[in-house]
C-alpha cells in the first residue's frame, strides 16, 4: 500500500491592482447610468458590478496610463438577452 502524496496548495488569487478613486468612481457612475437606462427599457441585469483589472505582472504594459475599472455586466437569461438586443436594435434605428 502506498501513502497518499500531499496535494499541492490551491493557487491564491492575486488581489486587484489599486486604481485611482476617480477611475473606480467613473465605472460606478457608468454602471448606475446603464442600470437606470436598462430599467427604463424594462430590462434588469442582476449581476452588474464594477471590477478593477488584475495587476500588471510583466513589462508589457509598463509606462501605460492607468487602466480603467471595468463595468461587469454579468450573465443573463436568453429572454433578457433577446430583450436587450431588441432595445439596442430599436435604438439604433432612430
PDB file of N, CA and C in Angstrom:
ATOM      1  N   UNK A   1       0.848  -1.172   0.000  1.00  0.00           N
ATOM      2  CA  UNK A   1       0.000   0.000   0.000  1.00  0.00           C
ATOM      3  C   UNK A   1       0.894   1.235   0.000  1.00  0.00           C
ATOM      4  N   UNK A   2       0.606   2.166  -0.884  1.00  0.00           N
ATOM      5  CA  UNK A   2       1.421   3.382  -0.959  1.00  0.00           C
ATOM      6  C   UNK A   2       0.744   4.500  -0.189  1.00  0.00           C
ATOM      7  N   UNK A   3       1.559   5.370   0.345  1.00  0.00           N
ATOM      8  CA  UNK A   3       0.973   6.507   1.062  1.00  0.00           C
ATOM      9  C   UNK A   3       0.549   7.573   0.064  1.00  0.00           C
ATOM     10  N   UNK A   4      -0.493   8.248   0.386  1.00  0.00           N
ATOM     11  CA  UNK A   4      -1.013   9.301  -0.493  1.00  0.00           C
ATOM     12  C   UNK A   4      -0.038  10.474  -0.505  1.00  0.00           C
ATOM     13  N   UNK A   5       0.225  10.973  -1.687  1.00  0.00           N
ATOM     14  CA  UNK A   5       1.091  12.155  -1.779  1.00  0.00           C
ATOM     15  C   UNK A   5       0.252  13.389  -1.513  1.00  0.00           C
ATOM     16  N   UNK A   6       0.800  14.338  -0.797  1.00  0.00           N
ATOM     17  CA  UNK A   6       0.007  15.546  -0.497  1.00  0.00           C
ATOM     18  C   UNK A   6      -0.284  16.333  -1.774  1.00  0.00           C
ATOM     19  N   UNK A   7      -1.469  16.860  -1.824  1.00  0.00           N
ATOM     20  CA  UNK A   7      -1.851  17.681  -2.977  1.00  0.00           C
ATOM     21  C   UNK A   7      -1.194  19.044  -2.852  1.00  0.00           C
ATOM     22  N   UNK A   8      -0.838  19.632  -3.992  1.00  0.00           N
ATOM     23  CA  UNK A   8      -0.263  20.985  -3.922  1.00  0.00           C
ATOM     24  C   UNK A   8      -1.336  21.970  -3.473  1.00  0.00           C
ATOM     25  N   UNK A   9      -0.931  23.054  -2.834  1.00  0.00           N
ATOM     26  CA  UNK A   9      -1.939  24.032  -2.386  1.00  0.00           C
ATOM     27  C   UNK A   9      -2.617  24.676  -3.586  1.00  0.00           C
ATOM     28  N   UNK A  10      -3.857  25.060  -3.380  1.00  0.00           N
ATOM     29  CA  UNK A  10      -4.583  25.767  -4.428  1.00  0.00           C
ATOM     30  C   UNK A  10      -3.944  27.124  -4.660  1.00  0.00           C
ATOM     31  N   UNK A  11      -3.936  27.581  -5.902  1.00  0.00           N
ATOM     32  CA  UNK A  11      -3.355  28.904  -6.154  1.00  0.00           C
ATOM     33  C   UNK A  11      -4.190  29.986  -5.483  1.00  0.00           C
ATOM     34  N   UNK A  12      -3.526  30.995  -5.003  1.00  0.00           N
ATOM     35  CA  UNK A  12      -4.261  32.103  -4.406  1.00  0.00           C
ATOM     36  C   UNK A  12      -4.519  33.150  -5.471  1.00  0.00           C
ATOM     37  N   UNK A  13      -5.632  33.838  -5.347  1.00  0.00           N
ATOM     38  CA  UNK A  13      -5.970  34.891  -6.302  1.00  0.00           C
ATOM     39  C   UNK A  13      -5.110  36.102  -6.022  1.00  0.00           C
ATOM     40  N   UNK A  14      -4.649  36.694  -7.073  1.00  0.00           N
ATOM     41  CA  UNK A  14      -3.882  37.923  -6.939  1.00  0.00           C
ATOM     42  C   UNK A  14      -4.857  39.055  -6.679  1.00  0.00           C
ATOM     43  N   UNK A  15      -4.615  39.874  -5.675  1.00  0.00           N
ATOM     44  CA  UNK A  15      -5.550  40.975  -5.416  1.00  0.00           C
ATOM     45  C   UNK A  15      -5.558  41.956  -6.579  1.00  0.00           C
ATOM     46  N   UNK A  16      -6.698  42.588  -6.826  1.00  0.00           N
ATOM     47  CA  UNK A  16      -6.777  43.561  -7.911  1.00  0.00           C
ATOM     48  C   UNK A  16      -5.794  44.707  -7.693  1.00  0.00           C
ATOM     49  N   UNK A  17      -5.383  45.280  -8.798  1.00  0.00           N
ATOM     50  CA  UNK A  17      -4.454  46.401  -8.688  1.00  0.00           C
ATOM     51  C   UNK A  17      -5.194  47.642  -8.197  1.00  0.00           C
ATOM     52  N   UNK A  18      -4.530  48.431  -7.390  1.00  0.00           N
ATOM     53  CA  UNK A  18      -5.184  49.659  -6.924  1.00  0.00           C
ATOM     54  C   UNK A  18      -5.305  50.656  -8.078  1.00  0.00           C
ATOM     55  N   UNK A  19      -6.447  51.246  -8.191  1.00  0.00           N
ATOM     56  CA  UNK A  19      -6.689  52.269  -9.201  1.00  0.00           C
ATOM     57  C   UNK A  19      -6.977  53.579  -8.487  1.00  0.00           C
ATOM     58  N   UNK A  20      -6.725  54.682  -9.149  1.00  0.00           N
ATOM     59  CA  UNK A  20      -7.120  55.953  -8.543  1.00  0.00           C
ATOM     60  C   UNK A  20      -8.637  55.960  -8.302  1.00  0.00           C
ATOM     61  N   UNK A  21      -9.071  56.565  -7.216  1.00  0.00           N
ATOM     62  CA  UNK A  21     -10.506  56.569  -6.893  1.00  0.00           C
ATOM     63  C   UNK A  21     -11.371  57.124  -8.018  1.00  0.00           C
ATOM     64  N   UNK A  22     -10.858  58.061  -8.806  1.00  0.00           N
ATOM     65  CA  UNK A  22     -11.681  58.617  -9.879  1.00  0.00           C
ATOM     66  C   UNK A  22     -11.988  57.587 -10.953  1.00  0.00           C
ATOM     67  N   UNK A  23     -11.087  56.646 -11.203  1.00  0.00           N
ATOM     68  CA  UNK A  23     -11.349  55.593 -12.195  1.00  0.00           C
ATOM     69  C   UNK A  23     -12.445  54.652 -11.703  1.00  0.00           C
ATOM     70  N   UNK A  24     -12.413  54.314 -10.433  1.00  0.00           N
ATOM     71  CA  UNK A  24     -13.443  53.446  -9.864  1.00  0.00           C
ATOM     72  C   UNK A  24     -14.776  54.181  -9.823  1.00  0.00           C
ATOM     73  N   UNK A  25     -14.768  55.438  -9.403  1.00  0.00           N
ATOM     74  CA  UNK A  25     -15.999  56.226  -9.341  1.00  0.00           C
ATOM     75  C   UNK A  25     -16.621  56.371 -10.728  1.00  0.00           C
ATOM     76  N   UNK A  26     -15.781  56.563 -11.742  1.00  0.00           N
ATOM     77  CA  UNK A  26     -16.271  56.659 -13.118  1.00  0.00           C
ATOM     78  C   UNK A  26     -17.014  55.382 -13.518  1.00  0.00           C
ATOM     79  N   UNK A  27     -16.461  54.234 -13.160  1.00  0.00           N
ATOM     80  CA  UNK A  27     -17.093  52.957 -13.504  1.00  0.00           C
ATOM     81  C   UNK A  27     -18.395  52.766 -12.721  1.00  0.00           C
ATOM     82  N   UNK A  28     -18.414  53.162 -11.458  1.00  0.00           N
ATOM     83  CA  UNK A  28     -19.635  53.054 -10.649  1.00  0.00           C
ATOM     84  C   UNK A  28     -20.733  53.919 -11.252  1.00  0.00           C
ATOM     85  N   UNK A  29     -20.394  55.143 -11.632  1.00  0.00           N
ATOM     86  CA  UNK A  29     -21.387  56.035 -12.241  1.00  0.00           C
ATOM     87  C   UNK A  29     -21.874  55.479 -13.575  1.00  0.00           C
ATOM     88  N   UNK A  30     -20.968  54.945 -14.384  1.00  0.00           N
ATOM     89  CA  UNK A  30     -21.369  54.355 -15.671  1.00  0.00           C
ATOM     90  C   UNK A  30     -22.301  53.167 -15.453  1.00  0.00           C
ATOM     91  N   UNK A  31     -21.981  52.325 -14.464  1.00  0.00           N
ATOM     92  CA  UNK A  31     -22.846  51.188 -14.153  1.00  0.00           C
ATOM     93  C   UNK A  31     -24.235  51.657 -13.746  1.00  0.00           C
ATOM     94  N   UNK A  32     -24.296  52.684 -12.905  1.00  0.00           N
ATOM     95  CA  UNK A  32     -25.587  53.177 -12.431  1.00  0.00           C
ATOM     96  C   UNK A  32     -26.413  53.800 -13.553  1.00  0.00           C
ATOM     97  N   UNK A  33     -25.759  54.546 -14.435  1.00  0.00           N
ATOM     98  CA  UNK A  33     -26.456  55.151 -15.582  1.00  0.00           C
ATOM     99  C   UNK A  33     -26.984  54.055 -16.504  1.00  0.00           C
ATOM    100  N   UNK A  34     -26.151  53.048 -16.772  1.00  0.00           N
ATOM    101  CA  UNK A  34     -26.588  51.944 -17.631  1.00  0.00           C
ATOM    102  C   UNK A  34     -27.732  51.168 -16.985  1.00  0.00           C
ATOM    103  N   UNK A  35     -27.639  50.908 -15.688  1.00  0.00           N
ATOM    104  CA  UNK A  35     -28.714  50.189 -14.995  1.00  0.00           C
ATOM    105  C   UNK A  35     -30.022  50.968 -15.057  1.00  0.00           C
ATOM    106  N   UNK A  36     -29.949  52.284 -14.882  1.00  0.00           N
ATOM    107  CA  UNK A  36     -31.158  53.113 -14.949  1.00  0.00           C
ATOM    108  C   UNK A  36     -31.754  53.081 -16.353  1.00  0.00           C
ATOM    109  N   UNK A  37     -30.906  53.158 -17.375  1.00  0.00           N
ATOM    110  CA  UNK A  37     -31.401  53.119 -18.754  1.00  0.00           C
ATOM    111  C   UNK A  37     -32.038  51.763 -19.059  1.00  0.00           C
ATOM    112  N   UNK A  38     -31.413  50.703 -18.600  1.00  0.00           N
ATOM    113  CA  UNK A  38     -31.988  49.380 -18.819  1.00  0.00           C
ATOM    114  C   UNK A  38     -33.311  49.225 -18.078  1.00  0.00           C
ATOM    115  N   UNK A  39     -33.397  49.763 -16.872  1.00  0.00           N
ATOM    116  CA  UNK A  39     -34.645  49.701 -16.110  1.00  0.00           C
ATOM    117  C   UNK A  39     -35.762  50.426 -16.845  1.00  0.00           C
ATOM    118  N   UNK A  40     -35.463  51.610 -17.416  1.00  0.00           N
ATOM    119  CA  UNK A  40     -36.474  52.336 -18.194  1.00  0.00           C
ATOM    120  C   UNK A  40     -36.939  51.526 -19.394  1.00  0.00           C
ATOM    121  N   UNK A  41     -36.042  50.680 -19.919  1.00  0.00           N
ATOM    122  CA  UNK A  41     -36.404  49.836 -21.057  1.00  0.00           C
ATOM    123  C   UNK A  41     -37.031  48.513 -20.615  1.00  0.00           C
ATOM    124  N   UNK A  42     -37.188  48.330 -19.295  1.00  0.00           N
ATOM    125  CA  UNK A  42     -37.810  47.119 -18.784  1.00  0.00           C
ATOM    126  C   UNK A  42     -36.860  45.940 -18.675  1.00  0.00           C
ATOM    127  N   UNK A  43     -35.572  46.206 -18.587  1.00  0.00           N
ATOM    128  CA  UNK A  43     -34.567  45.137 -18.545  1.00  0.00           C
ATOM    129  C   UNK A  43     -33.743  45.289 -17.272  1.00  0.00           C
ATOM    130  N   UNK A  44     -33.466  44.149 -16.627  1.00  0.00           N
ATOM    131  CA  UNK A  44     -32.614  44.161 -15.444  1.00  0.00           C
ATOM    132  C   UNK A  44     -31.516  43.129 -15.607  1.00  0.00           C
ATOM    133  N   UNK A  45     -30.274  43.568 -15.458  1.00  0.00           N
ATOM    134  CA  UNK A  45     -29.134  42.656 -15.420  1.00  0.00           C
ATOM    135  C   UNK A  45     -28.713  42.563 -13.947  1.00  0.00           C
ATOM    136  N   UNK A  46     -29.093  41.488 -13.268  1.00  0.00           N
ATOM    137  CA  UNK A  46     -28.917  41.424 -11.820  1.00  0.00           C
ATOM    138  C   UNK A  46     -27.474  41.311 -11.340  1.00  0.00           C
ATOM    139  N   UNK A  47     -26.555  40.955 -12.217  1.00  0.00           N
ATOM    140  CA  UNK A  47     -25.182  40.734 -11.761  1.00  0.00           C
ATOM    141  C   UNK A  47     -24.237  41.871 -12.134  1.00  0.00           C
ATOM    142  N   UNK A  48     -24.763  43.046 -12.464  1.00  0.00           N
ATOM    143  CA  UNK A  48     -23.887  44.159 -12.827  1.00  0.00           C
ATOM    144  C   UNK A  48     -23.008  44.533 -11.644  1.00  0.00           C
ATOM    145  N   UNK A  49     -21.741  44.793 -11.936  1.00  0.00           N
ATOM    146  CA  UNK A  49     -20.782  45.048 -10.881  1.00  0.00           C
ATOM    147  C   UNK A  49     -19.652  45.889 -11.447  1.00  0.00           C
ATOM    148  N   UNK A  50     -18.835  46.423 -10.584  1.00  0.00           N
ATOM    149  CA  UNK A  50     -17.635  47.137 -11.006  1.00  0.00           C
ATOM    150  C   UNK A  50     -16.440  46.325 -10.534  1.00  0.00           C
ATOM    151  N   UNK A  51     -15.502  46.115 -11.432  1.00  0.00           N
ATOM    152  CA  UNK A  51     -14.307  45.344 -11.104  1.00  0.00           C
ATOM    153  C   UNK A  51     -13.075  46.126 -11.526  1.00  0.00           C
ATOM    154  N   UNK A  52     -12.009  45.867 -10.831  1.00  0.00           N
ATOM    155  CA  UNK A  52     -10.747  46.509 -11.205  1.00  0.00           C
ATOM    156  C   UNK A  52      -9.890  45.485 -11.935  1.00  0.00           C
ATOM    157  N   UNK A  53      -9.052  45.936 -12.855  1.00  0.00           N
ATOM    158  CA  UNK A  53      -8.235  44.988 -13.621  1.00  0.00           C
ATOM    159  C   UNK A  53      -7.171  44.336 -12.743  1.00  0.00           C
ATOM    160  N   UNK A  54      -6.702  43.185 -13.193  1.00  0.00           N
ATOM    161  CA  UNK A  54      -5.627  42.497 -12.484  1.00  0.00           C
ATOM    162  C   UNK A  54      -4.353  43.307 -12.602  1.00  0.00           C
ATOM    163  N   UNK A  55      -3.470  43.171 -11.645  1.00  0.00           N
ATOM    164  CA  UNK A  55      -2.218  43.929 -11.706  1.00  0.00           C
ATOM    165  C   UNK A  55      -1.358  43.473 -12.878  1.00  0.00           C
ATOM    166  N   UNK A  56      -0.531  44.358 -13.347  1.00  0.00           N
ATOM    167  CA  UNK A  56       0.405  44.040 -14.418  1.00  0.00           C
ATOM    168  C   UNK A  56       1.483  43.142 -13.830  1.00  0.00           C
ATOM    169  N   UNK A  57       1.717  42.001 -14.466  1.00  0.00           N
ATOM    170  CA  UNK A  57       2.706  41.062 -13.938  1.00  0.00           C
ATOM    171  C   UNK A  57       3.954  40.994 -14.795  1.00  0.00           C
ATOM    172  N   UNK A  58       3.968  41.718 -15.897  1.00  0.00           N
ATOM    173  CA  UNK A  58       5.169  41.754 -16.727  1.00  0.00           C
ATOM    174  C   UNK A  58       5.358  43.169 -17.250  1.00  0.00           C
ATOM    175  N   UNK A  59       6.296  43.360 -18.128  1.00  0.00           N
ATOM    176  CA  UNK A  59       6.601  44.700 -18.634  1.00  0.00           C
ATOM    177  C   UNK A  59       5.767  45.092 -19.850  1.00  0.00           C
ATOM    178  N   UNK A  60       4.801  44.257 -20.250  1.00  0.00           N
ATOM    179  CA  UNK A  60       4.044  44.535 -21.471  1.00  0.00           C
ATOM    180  C   UNK A  60       3.229  45.817 -21.377  1.00  0.00           C
ATOM    181  N   UNK A  61       2.822  46.195 -20.169  1.00  0.00           N
ATOM    182  CA  UNK A  61       2.016  47.401 -20.015  1.00  0.00           C
ATOM    183  C   UNK A  61       2.751  48.476 -19.221  1.00  0.00           C
ATOM    184  N   UNK A  62       4.010  48.294 -19.016  1.00  0.00           N
ATOM    185  CA  UNK A  62       4.788  49.266 -18.246  1.00  0.00           C
ATOM    186  C   UNK A  62       4.767  50.618 -18.959  1.00  0.00           C
ATOM    187  N   UNK A  63       4.576  51.664 -18.203  1.00  0.00           N
ATOM    188  CA  UNK A  63       4.590  53.007 -18.766  1.00  0.00           C
ATOM    189  C   UNK A  63       3.268  53.452 -19.364  1.00  0.00           C
ATOM    190  N   UNK A  64       2.278  52.585 -19.394  1.00  0.00           N
ATOM    191  CA  UNK A  64       0.965  52.968 -19.940  1.00  0.00           C
ATOM    192  C   UNK A  64       0.186  53.746 -18.901  1.00  0.00           C
ATOM    193  N   UNK A  65      -0.783  54.511 -19.373  1.00  0.00           N
ATOM    194  CA  UNK A  65      -1.647  55.247 -18.452  1.00  0.00           C
ATOM    195  C   UNK A  65      -2.428  54.275 -17.573  1.00  0.00           C
ATOM    196  N   UNK A  66      -2.943  54.799 -16.491  1.00  0.00           N
ATOM    197  CA  UNK A  66      -3.735  53.992 -15.577  1.00  0.00           C
ATOM    198  C   UNK A  66      -4.917  53.376 -16.307  1.00  0.00           C
ATOM    199  N   UNK A  67      -5.125  52.109 -16.066  1.00  0.00           N
ATOM    200  CA  UNK A  67      -6.244  51.417 -16.705  1.00  0.00           C
ATOM    201  C   UNK A  67      -7.558  51.806 -16.031  1.00  0.00           C
ATOM    202  N   UNK A  68      -8.639  51.520 -16.714  1.00  0.00           N
ATOM    203  CA  UNK A  68      -9.967  51.825 -16.190  1.00  0.00           C
ATOM    204  C   UNK A  68     -10.471  50.688 -15.321  1.00  0.00           C
ATOM    205  N   UNK A  69     -11.366  51.023 -14.405  1.00  0.00           N
ATOM    206  CA  UNK A  69     -12.141  49.991 -13.739  1.00  0.00           C
ATOM    207  C   UNK A  69     -13.152  49.495 -14.770  1.00  0.00           C
ATOM    208  N   UNK A  70     -13.626  48.291 -14.597  1.00  0.00           N
ATOM    209  CA  UNK A  70     -14.482  47.667 -15.602  1.00  0.00           C
ATOM    210  C   UNK A  70     -15.907  47.509 -15.088  1.00  0.00           C
ATOM    211  N   UNK A  71     -16.869  47.801 -15.951  1.00  0.00           N
ATOM    212  CA  UNK A  71     -18.276  47.552 -15.634  1.00  0.00           C
ATOM    213  C   UNK A  71     -18.564  46.134 -16.112  1.00  0.00           C
ATOM    214  N   UNK A  72     -18.766  45.244 -15.171  1.00  0.00           N
ATOM    215  CA  UNK A  72     -19.034  43.841 -15.473  1.00  0.00           C
ATOM    216  C   UNK A  72     -20.544  43.665 -15.570  1.00  0.00           C
ATOM    217  N   UNK A  73     -21.010  43.204 -16.716  1.00  0.00           N
ATOM    218  CA  UNK A  73     -22.453  43.083 -16.931  1.00  0.00           C
ATOM    219  C   UNK A  73     -23.016  41.762 -16.441  1.00  0.00           C
ATOM    220  N   UNK A  74     -22.172  40.791 -16.166  1.00  0.00           N
ATOM    221  CA  UNK A  74     -22.642  39.518 -15.648  1.00  0.00           C
ATOM    222  C   UNK A  74     -23.329  38.680 -16.713  1.00  0.00           C
ATOM    223  N   UNK A  75     -24.074  37.713 -16.271  1.00  0.00           N
ATOM    224  CA  UNK A  75     -24.792  36.815 -17.176  1.00  0.00           C
ATOM    225  C   UNK A  75     -26.283  37.107 -17.088  1.00  0.00           C
ATOM    226  N   UNK A  76     -27.012  36.695 -18.114  1.00  0.00           N
ATOM    227  CA  UNK A  76     -28.455  36.875 -18.094  1.00  0.00           C
ATOM    228  C   UNK A  76     -29.109  35.726 -18.840  1.00  0.00           C
ATOM    229  N   UNK A  77     -30.396  35.588 -18.651  1.00  0.00           N
ATOM    230  CA  UNK A  77     -31.145  34.526 -19.323  1.00  0.00           C
ATOM    231  C   UNK A  77     -31.308  34.862 -20.804  1.00  0.00           C
ATOM    232  N   UNK A  78     -31.668  33.857 -21.590  1.00  0.00           N
ATOM    233  CA  UNK A  78     -31.900  34.073 -23.012  1.00  0.00           C
ATOM    234  C   UNK A  78     -32.998  35.103 -23.272  1.00  0.00           C
ATOM    235  N   UNK A  79     -34.131  35.072 -22.546  1.00  0.00           N
ATOM    236  CA  UNK A  79     -35.152  36.101 -22.787  1.00  0.00           C
ATOM    237  C   UNK A  79     -34.651  37.518 -22.508  1.00  0.00           C
ATOM    238  N   UNK A  80     -33.829  37.684 -21.467  1.00  0.00           N
ATOM    239  CA  UNK A  80     -33.289  39.015 -21.171  1.00  0.00           C
ATOM    240  C   UNK A  80     -32.313  39.436 -22.266  1.00  0.00           C
ATOM    241  N   UNK A  81     -31.495  38.513 -22.750  1.00  0.00           N
ATOM    242  CA  UNK A  81     -30.565  38.830 -23.840  1.00  0.00           C
ATOM    243  C   UNK A  81     -31.329  39.249 -25.097  1.00  0.00           C
ATOM    244  N   UNK A  82     -32.425  38.561 -25.395  1.00  0.00           N
ATOM    245  CA  UNK A  82     -33.227  38.926 -26.568  1.00  0.00           C
ATOM    246  C   UNK A  82     -33.900  40.283 -26.385  1.00  0.00           C
ATOM    247  N   UNK A  83     -34.387  40.562 -25.178  1.00  0.00           N
ATOM    248  CA  UNK A  83     -34.996  41.869 -24.908  1.00  0.00           C
ATOM    249  C   UNK A  83     -33.952  42.973 -25.025  1.00  0.00           C
ATOM    250  N   UNK A  84     -32.750  42.734 -24.538  1.00  0.00           N
ATOM    251  CA  UNK A  84     -31.669  43.709 -24.639  1.00  0.00           C
ATOM    252  C   UNK A  84     -31.306  43.943 -26.103  1.00  0.00           C
ATOM    253  N   UNK A  85     -31.215  42.899 -26.873  1.00  0.00           N
ATOM    254  CA  UNK A  85     -30.916  43.034 -28.302  1.00  0.00           C
ATOM    255  C   UNK A  85     -32.012  43.847 -29.007  1.00  0.00           C
ATOM    256  N   UNK A  86     -33.273  43.593 -28.667  1.00  0.00           N
ATOM    257  CA  UNK A  86     -34.379  44.318 -29.299  1.00  0.00           C
ATOM    258  C   UNK A  86     -34.302  45.805 -28.964  1.00  0.00           C
ATOM    259  N   UNK A  87     -33.992  46.150 -27.735  1.00  0.00           N
ATOM    260  CA  UNK A  87     -33.877  47.548 -27.340  1.00  0.00           C
ATOM    261  C   UNK A  87     -32.723  48.220 -28.085  1.00  0.00           C
ATOM    262  N   UNK A  88     -31.610  47.514 -28.228  1.00  0.00           N
ATOM    263  CA  UNK A  88     -30.463  48.076 -28.947  1.00  0.00           C
ATOM    264  C   UNK A  88     -30.793  48.307 -30.410  1.00  0.00           C
ATOM    265  N   UNK A  89     -31.427  47.328 -31.047  1.00  0.00           N
ATOM    266  CA  UNK A  89     -31.799  47.456 -32.458  1.00  0.00           C
ATOM    267  C   UNK A  89     -32.788  48.587 -32.639  1.00  0.00           C
ATOM    268  N   UNK A  90     -33.774  48.673 -31.744  1.00  0.00           N
ATOM    269  CA  UNK A  90     -34.767  49.737 -31.816  1.00  0.00           C
ATOM    270  C   UNK A  90     -34.082  51.115 -31.669  1.00  0.00           C
ATOM    271  N   UNK A  91     -33.195  51.226 -30.716  1.00  0.00           N
ATOM    272  CA  UNK A  91     -32.493  52.493 -30.502  1.00  0.00           C
ATOM    273  C   UNK A  91     -31.569  52.839 -31.646  1.00  0.00           C
ATOM    274  N   UNK A  92     -30.952  51.855 -32.252  1.00  0.00           N
ATOM    275  CA  UNK A  92     -30.039  52.094 -33.373  1.00  0.00           C
ATOM    276  C   UNK A  92     -30.798  52.530 -34.619  1.00  0.00           C
ATOM    277  N   UNK A  93     -32.084  52.172 -34.696  1.00  0.00           N
ATOM    278  CA  UNK A  93     -32.880  52.528 -35.853  1.00  0.00           C
ATOM    279  C   UNK A  93     -33.416  53.954 -35.828  1.00  0.00           C
ATOM    280  N   UNK A  94     -33.190  54.648 -34.723  1.00  0.00           N
ATOM    281  CA  UNK A  94     -33.718  56.022 -34.597  1.00  0.00           C
ATOM    282  C   UNK A  94     -32.800  57.009 -35.271  1.00  0.00           C
TER     283      UNK A  94
END
